């Protein structure tokens, strides 16, 4: 068995072909591949090619519209709305980002709202796309409820990532992207696959006791970073990127997924 090194373009082509083979349209396959390959290129294993399997499960289960065509709604206001049509969020971002940049230049500040999407990637590649346009930008989104608030034991919040970018003339932008949980859920999945224990303080078991067992953590709840501070930021994201834009909060997303899986089981 020999080691092989792939260029960015080679890996991107392979990932696109995988997704197109699974039924995604070229528009959605290329948009999703872009962020996954970016995660792998930045050595973030929890958001790189590891994510392909989860995306394929999502497609196979019918939880995403494979040929969705995002619809951008714009007017003279500072808000750009994009309806993802039930597809992955990435193609919707690609459709709305140029309009967002134009609105920023026209009004000084603008916001883009993406509704009816499945989020399955890191945020920083999209932030970097905006800093490449000369914009200072931030992004956030709720996810499926899997994190217990500080002092609690029930998973009520998502990992709720938050990202920020600041362009720098003639240099790489300043960018950060982090989950508001102690670690991304993908990190726990990687520990489970490797059969290694979690660091202490990452999660609690279903009975509310601290655990370093990845299986117990996935069945229980993850913990917010910084205690009540992480809980507060996560709650802010639930409100701004869920309630305010008329979309699902993390508990609602979890319940919708459970309802979908129940219908799928009954149909089979």
C-alpha atoms as a PDB file:
ATOM      1  CA  UNK A   1       0.000   0.000   0.000  1.00  0.00           C
ATOM      2  CA  UNK A   2       1.535   3.323  -1.063  1.00  0.00           C
ATOM      3  CA  UNK A   3       0.926   6.859   0.137  1.00  0.00           C
ATOM      4  CA  UNK A   4      -0.572   9.269  -2.375  1.00  0.00           C
ATOM      5  CA  UNK A   5      -0.790  13.034  -2.277  1.00  0.00           C
ATOM      6  CA  UNK A   6      -3.638  14.769  -4.063  1.00  0.00           C
ATOM      7  CA  UNK A   7      -3.708  18.371  -5.141  1.00  0.00           C
ATOM      8  CA  UNK A   8      -6.588  20.592  -4.074  1.00  0.00           C
ATOM      9  CA  UNK A   9      -8.152  20.387  -7.534  1.00  0.00           C
ATOM     10  CA  UNK A  10      -7.765  16.605  -7.718  1.00  0.00           C
ATOM     11  CA  UNK A  11      -9.431  16.081  -4.350  1.00  0.00           C
ATOM     12  CA  UNK A  12     -12.146  18.592  -5.214  1.00  0.00           C
ATOM     13  CA  UNK A  13     -12.901  16.699  -8.426  1.00  0.00           C
ATOM     14  CA  UNK A  14     -13.135  13.382  -6.596  1.00  0.00           C
ATOM     15  CA  UNK A  15     -15.516  14.776  -3.968  1.00  0.00           C
ATOM     16  CA  UNK A  16     -17.711  16.368  -6.639  1.00  0.00           C
ATOM     17  CA  UNK A  17     -17.949  13.042  -8.476  1.00  0.00           C
ATOM     18  CA  UNK A  18     -18.873  11.246  -5.240  1.00  0.00           C
ATOM     19  CA  UNK A  19     -21.730  13.643  -4.563  1.00  0.00           C
ATOM     20  CA  UNK A  20     -22.951  13.680  -8.148  1.00  0.00           C
ATOM     21  CA  UNK A  21     -22.907   9.872  -8.067  1.00  0.00           C
ATOM     22  CA  UNK A  22     -25.097  10.025  -4.966  1.00  0.00           C
ATOM     23  CA  UNK A  23     -27.626  12.179  -6.799  1.00  0.00           C
ATOM     24  CA  UNK A  24     -26.660  15.775  -6.063  1.00  0.00           C
ATOM     25  CA  UNK A  25     -26.936  18.198  -8.949  1.00  0.00           C
ATOM     26  CA  UNK A  26     -23.645  19.709 -10.198  1.00  0.00           C
ATOM     27  CA  UNK A  27     -24.584  23.019  -8.529  1.00  0.00           C
ATOM     28  CA  UNK A  28     -25.012  21.445  -5.089  1.00  0.00           C
ATOM     29  CA  UNK A  29     -22.164  18.931  -5.471  1.00  0.00           C
ATOM     30  CA  UNK A  30     -19.587  21.582  -6.306  1.00  0.00           C
ATOM     31  CA  UNK A  31     -20.720  23.957  -3.545  1.00  0.00           C
ATOM     32  CA  UNK A  32     -20.613  21.232  -0.892  1.00  0.00           C
ATOM     33  CA  UNK A  33     -17.287  19.863  -2.139  1.00  0.00           C
ATOM     34  CA  UNK A  34     -15.724  23.321  -1.913  1.00  0.00           C
ATOM     35  CA  UNK A  35     -16.189  23.639   1.848  1.00  0.00           C
ATOM     36  CA  UNK A  36     -15.328  20.006   2.609  1.00  0.00           C
ATOM     37  CA  UNK A  37     -12.070  20.205   0.654  1.00  0.00           C
ATOM     38  CA  UNK A  38     -11.301  23.516   2.362  1.00  0.00           C
ATOM     39  CA  UNK A  39     -11.732  21.845   5.748  1.00  0.00           C
ATOM     40  CA  UNK A  40      -9.418  18.993   4.755  1.00  0.00           C
ATOM     41  CA  UNK A  41      -6.877  21.444   3.352  1.00  0.00           C
ATOM     42  CA  UNK A  42      -6.856  23.332   6.642  1.00  0.00           C
ATOM     43  CA  UNK A  43      -6.211  20.052   8.519  1.00  0.00           C
ATOM     44  CA  UNK A  44      -9.563  20.175  10.313  1.00  0.00           C
ATOM     45  CA  UNK A  45     -10.360  16.469  10.190  1.00  0.00           C
ATOM     46  CA  UNK A  46     -13.790  16.851  11.806  1.00  0.00           C
ATOM     47  CA  UNK A  47     -14.945  19.065   8.908  1.00  0.00           C
ATOM     48  CA  UNK A  48     -12.960  17.611   6.006  1.00  0.00           C
ATOM     49  CA  UNK A  49     -13.510  14.465   3.971  1.00  0.00           C
ATOM     50  CA  UNK A  50     -14.803  12.794   7.144  1.00  0.00           C
ATOM     51  CA  UNK A  51     -18.017  14.743   6.459  1.00  0.00           C
ATOM     52  CA  UNK A  52     -18.634  12.985   3.146  1.00  0.00           C
ATOM     53  CA  UNK A  53     -20.146   9.922   4.805  1.00  0.00           C
ATOM     54  CA  UNK A  54     -22.621  12.001   6.817  1.00  0.00           C
ATOM     55  CA  UNK A  55     -23.643  13.950   3.724  1.00  0.00           C
ATOM     56  CA  UNK A  56     -24.206  10.707   1.822  1.00  0.00           C
ATOM     57  CA  UNK A  57     -26.391   9.370   4.647  1.00  0.00           C
ATOM     58  CA  UNK A  58     -28.386  12.600   4.570  1.00  0.00           C
ATOM     59  CA  UNK A  59     -28.898  12.309   0.810  1.00  0.00           C
ATOM     60  CA  UNK A  60     -29.813   8.609   0.986  1.00  0.00           C
ATOM     61  CA  UNK A  61     -32.324   9.223   3.764  1.00  0.00           C
ATOM     62  CA  UNK A  62     -34.059  11.886   1.687  1.00  0.00           C
ATOM     63  CA  UNK A  63     -33.454  14.624   4.251  1.00  0.00           C
ATOM     64  CA  UNK A  64     -32.139  17.026   1.618  1.00  0.00           C
ATOM     65  CA  UNK A  65     -33.381  18.046  -1.840  1.00  0.00           C
ATOM     66  CA  UNK A  66     -30.531  16.928  -4.126  1.00  0.00           C
ATOM     67  CA  UNK A  67     -31.335  19.223  -7.056  1.00  0.00           C
ATOM     68  CA  UNK A  68     -32.499  22.271  -5.082  1.00  0.00           C
ATOM     69  CA  UNK A  69     -32.094  25.627  -6.832  1.00  0.00           C
ATOM     70  CA  UNK A  70     -31.655  28.488  -4.328  1.00  0.00           C
ATOM     71  CA  UNK A  71     -33.908  31.498  -4.774  1.00  0.00           C
ATOM     72  CA  UNK A  72     -32.459  34.904  -3.893  1.00  0.00           C
ATOM     73  CA  UNK A  73     -34.905  37.619  -2.840  1.00  0.00           C
ATOM     74  CA  UNK A  74     -33.492  41.137  -2.887  1.00  0.00           C
ATOM     75  CA  UNK A  75     -34.844  44.658  -2.684  1.00  0.00           C
ATOM     76  CA  UNK A  76     -33.372  48.017  -1.713  1.00  0.00           C
ATOM     77  CA  UNK A  77     -33.068  47.063   1.952  1.00  0.00           C
ATOM     78  CA  UNK A  78     -29.948  45.796   3.708  1.00  0.00           C
ATOM     79  CA  UNK A  79     -31.345  42.253   4.066  1.00  0.00           C
ATOM     80  CA  UNK A  80     -30.777  39.572   1.428  1.00  0.00           C
ATOM     81  CA  UNK A  81     -32.948  36.487   1.805  1.00  0.00           C
ATOM     82  CA  UNK A  82     -32.103  33.164   0.182  1.00  0.00           C
ATOM     83  CA  UNK A  83     -34.455  30.183   0.183  1.00  0.00           C
ATOM     84  CA  UNK A  84     -32.317  27.056  -0.146  1.00  0.00           C
ATOM     85  CA  UNK A  85     -35.326  24.986  -1.233  1.00  0.00           C
ATOM     86  CA  UNK A  86     -34.502  22.172   1.159  1.00  0.00           C
ATOM     87  CA  UNK A  87     -30.974  21.747  -0.155  1.00  0.00           C
ATOM     88  CA  UNK A  88     -27.608  22.011   1.557  1.00  0.00           C
ATOM     89  CA  UNK A  89     -26.839  25.565   2.637  1.00  0.00           C
ATOM     90  CA  UNK A  90     -23.668  25.900   0.560  1.00  0.00           C
ATOM     91  CA  UNK A  91     -25.238  26.507  -2.844  1.00  0.00           C
ATOM     92  CA  UNK A  92     -27.595  29.018  -1.238  1.00  0.00           C
ATOM     93  CA  UNK A  93     -24.621  30.868   0.229  1.00  0.00           C
ATOM     94  CA  UNK A  94     -22.880  30.923  -3.147  1.00  0.00           C
ATOM     95  CA  UNK A  95     -26.008  32.381  -4.748  1.00  0.00           C
ATOM     96  CA  UNK A  96     -26.503  35.076  -2.135  1.00  0.00           C
ATOM     97  CA  UNK A  97     -22.925  36.143  -1.339  1.00  0.00           C
ATOM     98  CA  UNK A  98     -22.407  38.445  -4.374  1.00  0.00           C
ATOM     99  CA  UNK A  99     -25.747  40.132  -3.654  1.00  0.00           C
ATOM    100  CA  UNK A 100     -24.749  40.551  -0.010  1.00  0.00           C
ATOM    101  CA  UNK A 101     -21.491  42.206  -1.046  1.00  0.00           C
ATOM    102  CA  UNK A 102     -23.354  44.598  -3.349  1.00  0.00           C
ATOM    103  CA  UNK A 103     -25.802  45.501  -0.591  1.00  0.00           C
ATOM    104  CA  UNK A 104     -22.925  46.106   1.852  1.00  0.00           C
ATOM    105  CA  UNK A 105     -21.316  48.525  -0.554  1.00  0.00           C
ATOM    106  CA  UNK A 106     -24.619  50.291  -1.181  1.00  0.00           C
ATOM    107  CA  UNK A 107     -25.825  50.541   2.429  1.00  0.00           C
ATOM    108  CA  UNK A 108     -22.640  50.186   4.511  1.00  0.00           C
ATOM    109  CA  UNK A 109     -23.887  47.095   6.323  1.00  0.00           C
ATOM    110  CA  UNK A 110     -26.060  44.175   5.275  1.00  0.00           C
ATOM    111  CA  UNK A 111     -27.227  40.739   6.366  1.00  0.00           C
ATOM    112  CA  UNK A 112     -27.933  37.522   4.477  1.00  0.00           C
ATOM    113  CA  UNK A 113     -30.566  35.102   5.747  1.00  0.00           C
ATOM    114  CA  UNK A 114     -30.652  31.497   4.482  1.00  0.00           C
ATOM    115  CA  UNK A 115     -33.873  29.586   5.141  1.00  0.00           C
ATOM    116  CA  UNK A 116     -35.030  26.007   4.511  1.00  0.00           C
ATOM    117  CA  UNK A 117     -31.571  24.478   4.324  1.00  0.00           C
ATOM    118  CA  UNK A 118     -29.484  21.647   5.728  1.00  0.00           C
ATOM    119  CA  UNK A 119     -26.189  22.850   7.184  1.00  0.00           C
ATOM    120  CA  UNK A 120     -23.402  20.288   6.869  1.00  0.00           C
ATOM    121  CA  UNK A 121     -20.057  22.051   6.771  1.00  0.00           C
ATOM    122  CA  UNK A 122     -17.693  24.488   8.434  1.00  0.00           C
ATOM    123  CA  UNK A 123     -18.404  28.221   8.363  1.00  0.00           C
ATOM    124  CA  UNK A 124     -14.911  29.601   7.836  1.00  0.00           C
ATOM    125  CA  UNK A 125     -14.632  28.813   4.087  1.00  0.00           C
ATOM    126  CA  UNK A 126     -17.732  30.924   3.532  1.00  0.00           C
ATOM    127  CA  UNK A 127     -16.369  33.683   5.764  1.00  0.00           C
ATOM    128  CA  UNK A 128     -13.150  33.617   3.723  1.00  0.00           C
ATOM    129  CA  UNK A 129     -15.214  33.962   0.543  1.00  0.00           C
ATOM    130  CA  UNK A 130     -16.640  37.182   1.999  1.00  0.00           C
ATOM    131  CA  UNK A 131     -13.283  38.549   3.154  1.00  0.00           C
ATOM    132  CA  UNK A 132     -12.025  37.903  -0.403  1.00  0.00           C
ATOM    133  CA  UNK A 133     -14.730  40.373  -1.448  1.00  0.00           C
ATOM    134  CA  UNK A 134     -13.297  42.924   0.976  1.00  0.00           C
ATOM    135  CA  UNK A 135     -15.973  42.459   3.625  1.00  0.00           C
ATOM    136  CA  UNK A 136     -15.704  42.117   7.378  1.00  0.00           C
ATOM    137  CA  UNK A 137     -18.155  39.335   8.106  1.00  0.00           C
ATOM    138  CA  UNK A 138     -19.671  37.084  10.729  1.00  0.00           C
ATOM    139  CA  UNK A 139     -21.787  33.958  10.403  1.00  0.00           C
ATOM    140  CA  UNK A 140     -23.735  31.766  12.796  1.00  0.00           C
ATOM    141  CA  UNK A 141     -26.312  28.996  12.754  1.00  0.00           C
ATOM    142  CA  UNK A 142     -28.241  26.765  15.156  1.00  0.00           C
ATOM    143  CA  UNK A 143     -27.962  23.002  14.741  1.00  0.00           C
ATOM    144  CA  UNK A 144     -29.611  19.895  16.185  1.00  0.00           C
ATOM    145  CA  UNK A 145     -30.045  20.048  19.953  1.00  0.00           C
ATOM    146  CA  UNK A 146     -27.134  18.125  21.462  1.00  0.00           C
ATOM    147  CA  UNK A 147     -25.679  20.527  24.066  1.00  0.00           C
ATOM    148  CA  UNK A 148     -26.886  20.993  27.634  1.00  0.00           C
ATOM    149  CA  UNK A 149     -26.963  24.579  28.915  1.00  0.00           C
ATOM    150  CA  UNK A 150     -24.691  25.465  31.801  1.00  0.00           C
ATOM    151  CA  UNK A 151     -26.042  23.829  34.944  1.00  0.00           C
ATOM    152  CA  UNK A 152     -28.461  21.623  32.999  1.00  0.00           C
ATOM    153  CA  UNK A 153     -28.456  18.014  31.830  1.00  0.00           C
ATOM    154  CA  UNK A 154     -30.884  17.953  28.885  1.00  0.00           C
ATOM    155  CA  UNK A 155     -29.605  18.730  25.369  1.00  0.00           C
ATOM    156  CA  UNK A 156     -31.481  21.939  24.509  1.00  0.00           C
ATOM    157  CA  UNK A 157     -29.014  23.802  22.296  1.00  0.00           C
ATOM    158  CA  UNK A 158     -27.005  22.928  19.221  1.00  0.00           C
ATOM    159  CA  UNK A 159     -23.248  23.178  18.848  1.00  0.00           C
ATOM    160  CA  UNK A 160     -24.200  26.531  17.298  1.00  0.00           C
ATOM    161  CA  UNK A 161     -21.015  27.631  15.529  1.00  0.00           C
ATOM    162  CA  UNK A 162     -19.945  31.247  15.186  1.00  0.00           C
ATOM    163  CA  UNK A 163     -17.370  32.597  12.731  1.00  0.00           C
ATOM    164  CA  UNK A 164     -15.819  35.991  12.010  1.00  0.00           C
ATOM    165  CA  UNK A 165     -13.475  37.338   9.362  1.00  0.00           C
ATOM    166  CA  UNK A 166     -11.553  40.587   8.836  1.00  0.00           C
ATOM    167  CA  UNK A 167      -9.834  41.264   5.479  1.00  0.00           C
ATOM    168  CA  UNK A 168      -6.214  42.433   5.497  1.00  0.00           C
ATOM    169  CA  UNK A 169      -4.700  44.226   2.521  1.00  0.00           C
ATOM    170  CA  UNK A 170      -1.943  42.120   0.951  1.00  0.00           C
ATOM    171  CA  UNK A 171      -2.180  39.400   3.602  1.00  0.00           C
ATOM    172  CA  UNK A 172      -4.393  36.533   4.710  1.00  0.00           C
ATOM    173  CA  UNK A 173      -7.589  37.579   6.502  1.00  0.00           C
ATOM    174  CA  UNK A 174      -8.006  37.247  10.246  1.00  0.00           C
ATOM    175  CA  UNK A 175     -10.591  34.476  10.686  1.00  0.00           C
ATOM    176  CA  UNK A 176     -11.937  32.383  13.531  1.00  0.00           C
ATOM    177  CA  UNK A 177     -14.643  29.726  13.600  1.00  0.00           C
ATOM    178  CA  UNK A 178     -15.698  27.769  16.665  1.00  0.00           C
ATOM    179  CA  UNK A 179     -18.581  25.799  18.092  1.00  0.00           C
ATOM    180  CA  UNK A 180     -20.160  27.182  21.239  1.00  0.00           C
ATOM    181  CA  UNK A 181     -19.861  23.681  22.702  1.00  0.00           C
ATOM    182  CA  UNK A 182     -16.507  22.675  24.206  1.00  0.00           C
ATOM    183  CA  UNK A 183     -15.771  20.756  21.006  1.00  0.00           C
ATOM    184  CA  UNK A 184     -17.500  20.128  17.702  1.00  0.00           C
ATOM    185  CA  UNK A 185     -19.727  17.042  17.589  1.00  0.00           C
ATOM    186  CA  UNK A 186     -17.501  15.703  14.823  1.00  0.00           C
ATOM    187  CA  UNK A 187     -14.594  15.603  17.274  1.00  0.00           C
ATOM    188  CA  UNK A 188     -16.580  13.270  19.525  1.00  0.00           C
ATOM    189  CA  UNK A 189     -17.426  11.101  16.515  1.00  0.00           C
ATOM    190  CA  UNK A 190     -13.721  10.874  15.660  1.00  0.00           C
ATOM    191  CA  UNK A 191     -12.908   9.755  19.218  1.00  0.00           C
ATOM    192  CA  UNK A 192     -15.681   7.143  18.990  1.00  0.00           C
ATOM    193  CA  UNK A 193     -14.282   5.779  15.737  1.00  0.00           C
ATOM    194  CA  UNK A 194     -10.744   5.689  17.120  1.00  0.00           C
ATOM    195  CA  UNK A 195     -11.856   4.065  20.377  1.00  0.00           C
ATOM    196  CA  UNK A 196     -10.205   6.791  22.445  1.00  0.00           C
ATOM    197  CA  UNK A 197     -11.638   8.567  25.502  1.00  0.00           C
ATOM    198  CA  UNK A 198     -12.752  12.178  25.429  1.00  0.00           C
ATOM    199  CA  UNK A 199     -10.957  14.855  27.436  1.00  0.00           C
ATOM    200  CA  UNK A 200     -12.692  15.557  30.728  1.00  0.00           C
ATOM    201  CA  UNK A 201     -15.251  18.339  30.676  1.00  0.00           C
ATOM    202  CA  UNK A 202     -16.521  17.739  27.143  1.00  0.00           C
ATOM    203  CA  UNK A 203     -19.758  15.903  27.842  1.00  0.00           C
ATOM    204  CA  UNK A 204     -22.185  14.271  30.239  1.00  0.00           C
ATOM    205  CA  UNK A 205     -23.864  10.854  30.080  1.00  0.00           C
ATOM    206  CA  UNK A 206     -27.667  10.430  29.811  1.00  0.00           C
ATOM    207  CA  UNK A 207     -27.900  10.371  33.627  1.00  0.00           C
ATOM    208  CA  UNK A 208     -26.190  13.769  33.836  1.00  0.00           C
ATOM    209  CA  UNK A 209     -22.857  12.546  35.191  1.00  0.00           C
ATOM    210  CA  UNK A 210     -19.571  13.610  33.562  1.00  0.00           C
ATOM    211  CA  UNK A 211     -18.234  11.121  31.012  1.00  0.00           C
ATOM    212  CA  UNK A 212     -15.208  10.552  28.810  1.00  0.00           C
ATOM    213  CA  UNK A 213     -16.940   7.733  26.889  1.00  0.00           C
ATOM    214  CA  UNK A 214     -17.803   8.953  23.354  1.00  0.00           C
ATOM    215  CA  UNK A 215     -20.811   6.605  23.113  1.00  0.00           C
ATOM    216  CA  UNK A 216     -22.245   7.901  26.404  1.00  0.00           C
ATOM    217  CA  UNK A 217     -21.539  11.478  25.323  1.00  0.00           C
ATOM    218  CA  UNK A 218     -23.412  11.036  22.034  1.00  0.00           C
ATOM    219  CA  UNK A 219     -26.337   9.503  23.917  1.00  0.00           C
ATOM    220  CA  UNK A 220     -26.205  12.218  26.587  1.00  0.00           C
ATOM    221  CA  UNK A 221     -25.208  15.808  25.968  1.00  0.00           C
ATOM    222  CA  UNK A 222     -22.197  17.903  25.110  1.00  0.00           C
ATOM    223  CA  UNK A 223     -21.254  20.886  27.266  1.00  0.00           C
ATOM    224  CA  UNK A 224     -20.898  24.563  26.334  1.00  0.00           C
ATOM    225  CA  UNK A 225     -17.475  26.177  26.397  1.00  0.00           C
ATOM    226  CA  UNK A 226     -16.893  28.622  29.229  1.00  0.00           C
ATOM    227  CA  UNK A 227     -19.917  27.522  31.242  1.00  0.00           C
ATOM    228  CA  UNK A 228     -22.600  30.209  31.370  1.00  0.00           C
ATOM    229  CA  UNK A 229     -20.710  32.377  28.846  1.00  0.00           C
ATOM    230  CA  UNK A 230     -20.885  29.711  26.136  1.00  0.00           C
ATOM    231  CA  UNK A 231     -24.539  29.086  27.015  1.00  0.00           C
ATOM    232  CA  UNK A 232     -25.317  32.781  26.587  1.00  0.00           C
ATOM    233  CA  UNK A 233     -23.641  33.012  23.169  1.00  0.00           C
ATOM    234  CA  UNK A 234     -25.337  29.798  22.050  1.00  0.00           C
ATOM    235  CA  UNK A 235     -28.723  31.160  23.135  1.00  0.00           C
ATOM    236  CA  UNK A 236     -28.046  34.359  21.196  1.00  0.00           C
ATOM    237  CA  UNK A 237     -27.422  32.272  18.067  1.00  0.00           C
ATOM    238  CA  UNK A 238     -30.665  30.344  18.601  1.00  0.00           C
ATOM    239  CA  UNK A 239     -32.543  33.655  18.698  1.00  0.00           C
ATOM    240  CA  UNK A 240     -30.761  35.530  15.891  1.00  0.00           C
ATOM    241  CA  UNK A 241     -30.261  32.659  13.434  1.00  0.00           C
ATOM    242  CA  UNK A 242     -33.413  30.727  14.309  1.00  0.00           C
ATOM    243  CA  UNK A 243     -36.270  32.702  15.822  1.00  0.00           C
ATOM    244  CA  UNK A 244     -35.519  36.083  14.213  1.00  0.00           C
ATOM    245  CA  UNK A 245     -35.283  34.718  10.661  1.00  0.00           C
ATOM    246  CA  UNK A 246     -38.361  32.522  11.007  1.00  0.00           C
ATOM    247  CA  UNK A 247     -36.504  29.235  10.933  1.00  0.00           C
ATOM    248  CA  UNK A 248     -36.019  26.269  13.271  1.00  0.00           C
ATOM    249  CA  UNK A 249     -34.287  26.418  16.628  1.00  0.00           C
ATOM    250  CA  UNK A 250     -32.072  23.494  17.622  1.00  0.00           C
ATOM    251  CA  UNK A 251     -34.796  21.646  19.610  1.00  0.00           C
ATOM    252  CA  UNK A 252     -37.226  22.133  16.712  1.00  0.00           C
ATOM    253  CA  UNK A 253     -34.631  20.829  14.246  1.00  0.00           C
ATOM    254  CA  UNK A 254     -34.074  17.759  16.445  1.00  0.00           C
ATOM    255  CA  UNK A 255     -37.820  17.104  16.716  1.00  0.00           C
ATOM    256  CA  UNK A 256     -38.278  17.536  12.960  1.00  0.00           C
ATOM    257  CA  UNK A 257     -35.485  15.037  12.331  1.00  0.00           C
ATOM    258  CA  UNK A 258     -37.005  12.544  14.784  1.00  0.00           C
ATOM    259  CA  UNK A 259     -40.398  12.918  13.066  1.00  0.00           C
ATOM    260  CA  UNK A 260     -38.796  12.371   9.667  1.00  0.00           C
ATOM    261  CA  UNK A 261     -36.969   9.241  10.832  1.00  0.00           C
ATOM    262  CA  UNK A 262     -40.176   7.880  12.351  1.00  0.00           C
ATOM    263  CA  UNK A 263     -42.053   8.356   9.044  1.00  0.00           C
ATOM    264  CA  UNK A 264     -39.140   6.748   7.197  1.00  0.00           C
ATOM    265  CA  UNK A 265     -39.227   3.732   9.549  1.00  0.00           C
ATOM    266  CA  UNK A 266     -42.996   3.338   9.192  1.00  0.00           C
ATOM    267  CA  UNK A 267     -42.731   3.538   5.408  1.00  0.00           C
ATOM    268  CA  UNK A 268     -40.118   0.804   5.338  1.00  0.00           C
END
